[in-house]
Amino acid sequence: MAVKTKMFNIRISEERHKQFKKYADSLNSSMGGILLDYIDALILDGAEPIGIKRETKNREMGMEDPLEMIRTQYKPGRDF
């Protein structure tokens, strides 16, 4: 029986994409495969998420959210 899937899009800078692609290639893997493995580790294995503490600390220090400009970019019903 086939598993129903959903599309998952993220936006990253061209430089980060290039670096991540190089990293994935060095592991003989795909970028999507690495992200799916990380998601599984978080959900199934109870791994601690990376970066959450840093983001919380940044908010407490009054730092700007670098993703603020794109957080409202997608519209429910239209984009997903």
Protein backbone atom coordinates (compact mmCIF):
# COMPACT_ATOMS: atom_id res chain seq x y z
CA MET A 1 0.00 0.00 0.00
CA ALA A 2 1.41 3.40 -1.03
CA VAL A 3 2.05 6.05 1.59
CA LYS A 4 0.41 9.42 1.02
CA THR A 5 3.05 12.17 0.87
CA LYS A 6 3.14 15.96 1.03
CA MET A 7 5.46 18.44 -0.72
CA PHE A 8 7.85 20.26 1.63
CA ASN A 9 9.55 23.40 0.30
CA ILE A 10 12.13 25.51 2.05
CA ARG A 11 14.03 28.61 0.99
CA ILE A 12 17.76 28.89 1.60
CA SER A 13 20.44 31.14 0.17
CA GLU A 14 22.25 30.05 -2.98
CA GLU A 15 25.48 29.75 -1.02
CA ARG A 16 23.93 27.51 1.65
CA HIS A 17 22.34 25.37 -1.07
CA LYS A 18 25.72 24.99 -2.76
CA GLN A 19 27.41 24.05 0.54
CA PHE A 20 24.65 21.62 1.51
CA LYS A 21 24.72 20.00 -1.94
CA LYS A 22 28.49 19.53 -1.63
CA TYR A 23 28.02 18.04 1.86
CA ALA A 24 25.31 15.63 0.64
CA ASP A 25 27.49 14.59 -2.30
CA SER A 26 30.40 13.89 0.07
CA LEU A 27 28.12 11.44 1.92
CA ASN A 28 26.87 9.94 -1.35
CA SER A 29 23.37 11.05 -0.34
CA SER A 30 20.74 13.54 -1.43
CA MET A 31 19.86 16.75 0.37
CA GLY A 32 16.28 15.51 0.74
CA GLY A 33 17.48 12.20 2.16
CA ILE A 34 19.53 13.97 4.81
CA LEU A 35 16.58 16.17 5.79
CA LEU A 36 14.22 13.19 5.93
CA ASP A 37 16.69 11.31 8.14
CA TYR A 38 16.89 14.33 10.46
CA ILE A 39 13.09 14.56 10.63
CA ASP A 40 12.88 10.85 11.44
CA ALA A 41 15.50 11.26 14.17
CA LEU A 42 13.46 14.07 15.73
CA ILE A 43 10.11 12.32 15.51
CA LEU A 44 10.95 8.64 15.90
CA ASP A 45 14.17 8.65 17.91
CA GLY A 46 13.49 11.62 20.18
CA ALA A 47 16.62 13.49 19.11
CA GLU A 48 17.11 17.02 20.39
CA PRO A 49 16.46 19.61 17.67
CA ILE A 50 19.42 21.66 16.53
CA GLY A 51 19.14 25.46 16.75
CA ILE A 52 16.01 25.76 18.90
CA LYS A 53 17.88 27.01 21.97
CA ARG A 54 19.80 29.50 19.85
CA GLU A 55 16.60 30.91 18.31
CA THR A 56 15.00 31.28 21.75
CA LYS A 57 18.10 33.03 23.08
CA ASN A 58 18.14 35.37 20.05
CA ARG A 59 14.50 36.33 20.68
CA GLU A 60 15.22 36.99 24.36
CA MET A 61 18.12 39.24 23.36
CA GLY A 62 15.86 41.22 21.02
CA MET A 63 17.52 39.99 17.82
CA GLU A 64 15.56 40.06 14.58
CA ASP A 65 14.18 36.86 13.10
CA PRO A 66 16.01 36.39 9.77
CA LEU A 67 12.99 34.54 8.35
CA GLU A 68 10.38 37.12 9.36
CA MET A 69 9.99 38.43 5.82
CA ILE A 70 9.01 35.01 4.43
CA ARG A 71 6.94 33.59 7.29
CA THR A 72 3.70 34.99 5.83
CA GLN A 73 4.67 34.32 2.23
CA TYR A 74 2.55 31.19 1.73
CA LYS A 75 -1.24 31.26 1.81
CA PRO A 76 -3.28 28.28 3.09
CA GLY A 77 -5.43 26.80 0.34
CA ARG A 78 -3.33 28.37 -2.38
CA ASP A 79 0.22 27.16 -1.70
CA PHE A 80 -0.53 24.11 0.46
